[in-house]
Protein backbone atom coordinates (compact mmCIF):
# COMPACT_ATOMS: atom_id res chain seq x y z
CA UNK A 1 77.83 -2.15 51.54
CA UNK A 2 79.62 0.73 53.22
CA UNK A 3 78.02 3.93 54.46
CA UNK A 4 79.79 5.87 51.70
CA UNK A 5 78.46 3.54 49.00
CA UNK A 6 74.96 3.86 50.42
CA UNK A 7 75.23 7.66 50.47
CA UNK A 8 76.57 7.73 46.91
CA UNK A 9 73.76 5.45 45.69
CA UNK A 10 71.17 7.53 47.54
CA UNK A 11 72.46 10.73 45.92
CA UNK A 12 72.29 9.13 42.45
CA UNK A 13 68.77 7.77 43.03
CA UNK A 14 67.56 11.17 44.28
CA UNK A 15 68.96 12.92 41.18
CA UNK A 16 67.34 10.32 38.91
CA UNK A 17 63.98 10.60 40.75
CA UNK A 18 63.93 14.41 40.48
CA UNK A 19 64.84 14.33 36.77
CA UNK A 20 62.06 11.77 36.08
CA UNK A 21 59.54 14.26 37.50
CA UNK A 22 60.62 17.26 35.43
CA UNK A 23 57.76 18.80 33.39
CA UNK A 24 57.51 19.68 29.70
CA UNK A 25 59.64 16.76 28.50
CA UNK A 26 62.70 18.08 30.32
CA UNK A 27 63.20 14.60 31.76
CA UNK A 28 64.35 13.51 28.29
CA UNK A 29 66.82 16.40 28.01
CA UNK A 30 68.26 16.86 31.51
CA UNK A 31 70.75 14.19 32.59
CA UNK A 32 70.76 13.19 36.27
CA UNK A 33 74.46 14.16 36.29
CA UNK A 34 73.48 17.72 35.35
CA UNK A 35 71.26 17.94 38.41
CA UNK A 36 73.98 16.35 40.56
CA UNK A 37 76.52 18.81 39.17
CA UNK A 38 74.17 21.71 39.92
CA UNK A 39 73.71 20.58 43.52
CA UNK A 40 77.36 19.86 44.21
CA UNK A 41 78.66 22.94 42.45
CA UNK A 42 76.09 25.22 44.08
CA UNK A 43 77.49 24.06 47.39
CA UNK A 44 81.13 24.45 46.32
CA UNK A 45 80.34 27.83 44.76
CA UNK A 46 78.98 28.95 48.15
CA UNK A 47 82.24 27.72 49.70
CA UNK A 48 84.14 29.71 47.05
CA UNK A 49 82.18 32.90 47.85
CA UNK A 50 82.61 32.38 51.59
CA UNK A 51 86.37 31.97 51.18
CA UNK A 52 86.51 34.99 48.85
CA UNK A 53 84.71 37.05 51.47
CA UNK A 54 87.12 35.93 54.17
CA UNK A 55 90.25 36.45 52.08
CA UNK A 56 89.31 39.80 50.52
CA UNK A 57 86.55 41.18 52.75
CA UNK A 58 88.05 40.29 56.13
CA UNK A 59 91.75 39.82 55.49
CA UNK A 60 92.00 42.47 52.76
CA UNK A 61 93.97 40.32 50.33
CA UNK A 62 94.05 41.66 46.75
CA UNK A 63 91.10 40.48 44.61
CA UNK A 64 93.17 38.34 42.20
CA UNK A 65 94.90 36.52 45.10
CA UNK A 66 91.64 36.08 47.01
CA UNK A 67 89.83 34.78 43.94
CA UNK A 68 92.68 32.39 43.09
CA UNK A 69 93.04 30.81 46.54
CA UNK A 70 89.26 30.49 47.03
CA UNK A 71 88.91 29.06 43.52
CA UNK A 72 91.57 26.38 43.97
CA UNK A 73 90.15 25.27 47.30
CA UNK A 74 86.56 25.15 46.05
CA UNK A 75 87.46 23.31 42.87
CA UNK A 76 89.45 20.68 44.74
CA UNK A 77 86.33 20.03 46.80
CA UNK A 78 84.20 19.99 43.64
CA UNK A 79 86.47 17.39 42.01
CA UNK A 80 86.24 15.02 44.96
CA UNK A 81 82.47 15.40 45.38
CA UNK A 82 81.66 15.13 41.65
CA UNK A 83 84.01 12.17 41.16
CA UNK A 84 82.50 10.32 44.12
CA UNK A 85 78.83 11.27 44.21
CA UNK A 86 77.85 12.51 40.78
CA UNK A 87 79.90 10.69 38.18
CA UNK A 88 80.66 7.74 40.51
CA UNK A 89 84.00 7.17 38.86
CA UNK A 90 86.24 4.25 39.73
CA UNK A 91 88.80 5.05 37.04
CA UNK A 92 92.35 5.90 38.08
CA UNK A 93 92.30 9.29 39.72
CA UNK A 94 95.66 10.41 38.28
CA UNK A 95 94.59 10.88 34.65
CA UNK A 96 91.30 12.42 35.72
CA UNK A 97 93.10 14.85 38.00
CA UNK A 98 95.42 15.91 35.17
CA UNK A 99 92.49 16.48 32.79
CA UNK A 100 90.63 18.33 35.56
CA UNK A 101 93.66 20.55 36.24
CA UNK A 102 93.82 21.49 32.55
CA UNK A 103 90.06 22.19 32.46
CA UNK A 104 90.15 24.39 35.55
CA UNK A 105 93.21 26.25 34.27
CA UNK A 106 91.33 27.10 31.06
CA UNK A 107 88.25 27.99 33.10
CA UNK A 108 90.29 30.10 35.52
CA UNK A 109 91.98 32.24 32.90
CA UNK A 110 88.92 32.62 30.65
CA UNK A 111 86.11 33.11 33.12
CA UNK A 112 87.45 33.80 36.60
CA UNK A 113 90.31 36.16 35.81
CA UNK A 114 89.06 37.24 32.40
CA UNK A 115 85.38 37.86 33.12
CA UNK A 116 85.46 38.20 36.92
CA UNK A 117 88.46 40.45 37.34
CA UNK A 118 87.54 42.38 34.20
CA UNK A 119 84.11 43.21 35.62
CA UNK A 120 85.68 44.32 38.93
CA UNK A 121 88.10 46.52 36.97
CA UNK A 122 85.19 48.31 35.26
CA UNK A 123 83.48 48.92 38.59
CA UNK A 124 81.18 45.96 39.31
CA UNK A 125 81.14 44.87 42.97
CA UNK A 126 83.38 41.80 43.39
CA UNK A 127 80.61 39.44 44.58
CA UNK A 128 78.44 40.33 41.57
CA UNK A 129 81.39 39.96 39.23
CA UNK A 130 82.05 36.51 40.69
CA UNK A 131 78.39 35.54 40.17
CA UNK A 132 78.50 36.51 36.49
CA UNK A 133 81.77 34.64 36.00
CA UNK A 134 80.23 31.71 37.88
CA UNK A 135 77.38 31.42 35.41
CA UNK A 136 79.81 31.22 32.50
CA UNK A 137 82.01 28.70 34.23
CA UNK A 138 79.08 26.47 35.24
CA UNK A 139 78.20 25.69 31.63
CA UNK A 140 81.82 25.14 30.63
CA UNK A 141 82.67 23.02 33.68
CA UNK A 142 79.69 20.66 33.43
CA UNK A 143 80.37 19.92 29.79
CA UNK A 144 84.09 19.46 30.44
CA UNK A 145 83.52 17.22 33.46
CA UNK A 146 80.94 15.05 31.72
CA UNK A 147 82.68 14.67 28.37
CA UNK A 148 86.39 15.14 29.17
CA UNK A 149 87.27 14.53 32.82
CA UNK A 150 84.76 11.78 33.69
CA UNK A 151 84.06 10.37 30.23
CA UNK A 152 81.18 7.92 30.07
CA UNK A 153 80.77 4.88 27.92
CA UNK A 154 77.71 4.12 25.83
CA UNK A 155 76.40 1.89 28.63
CA UNK A 156 76.48 4.66 31.21
CA UNK A 157 79.39 3.18 33.16
CA UNK A 158 82.29 5.50 33.65
CA UNK A 159 85.70 4.71 32.32
CA UNK A 160 88.93 6.24 31.16
């Protein structure tokens, strides 16, 4: 067993262990992949905000350009981490990458540019606007990744 496989298995076991301990029957509702998605995407969202701050706050790039470049970089990282650690997919990466690109394009135009840039245009500070847009995109992205990009079979194994 390689170090990567051990790390991936450890991540999955930790998500499953935390979900098993959720109170109020939430353990029957919350999938371990939802917790894994929340952990991974919290990290990549922080990367997104850091890059946005560098591109717009330090380098003074326009907000739409800063948001776009930070978004693409963070979502590429999210794809790799979710594919490897959370959904543990061994399916061909090509079809998944195409589906993911379509999902993030929809997400980008609807939530990032639509909600995020719209809120900046009406006067909300760009970090706060990005946080609001991030909440909307989190729900959409988890559902799309679980049921479209990394489809699962009835037995829990991942397949095309």
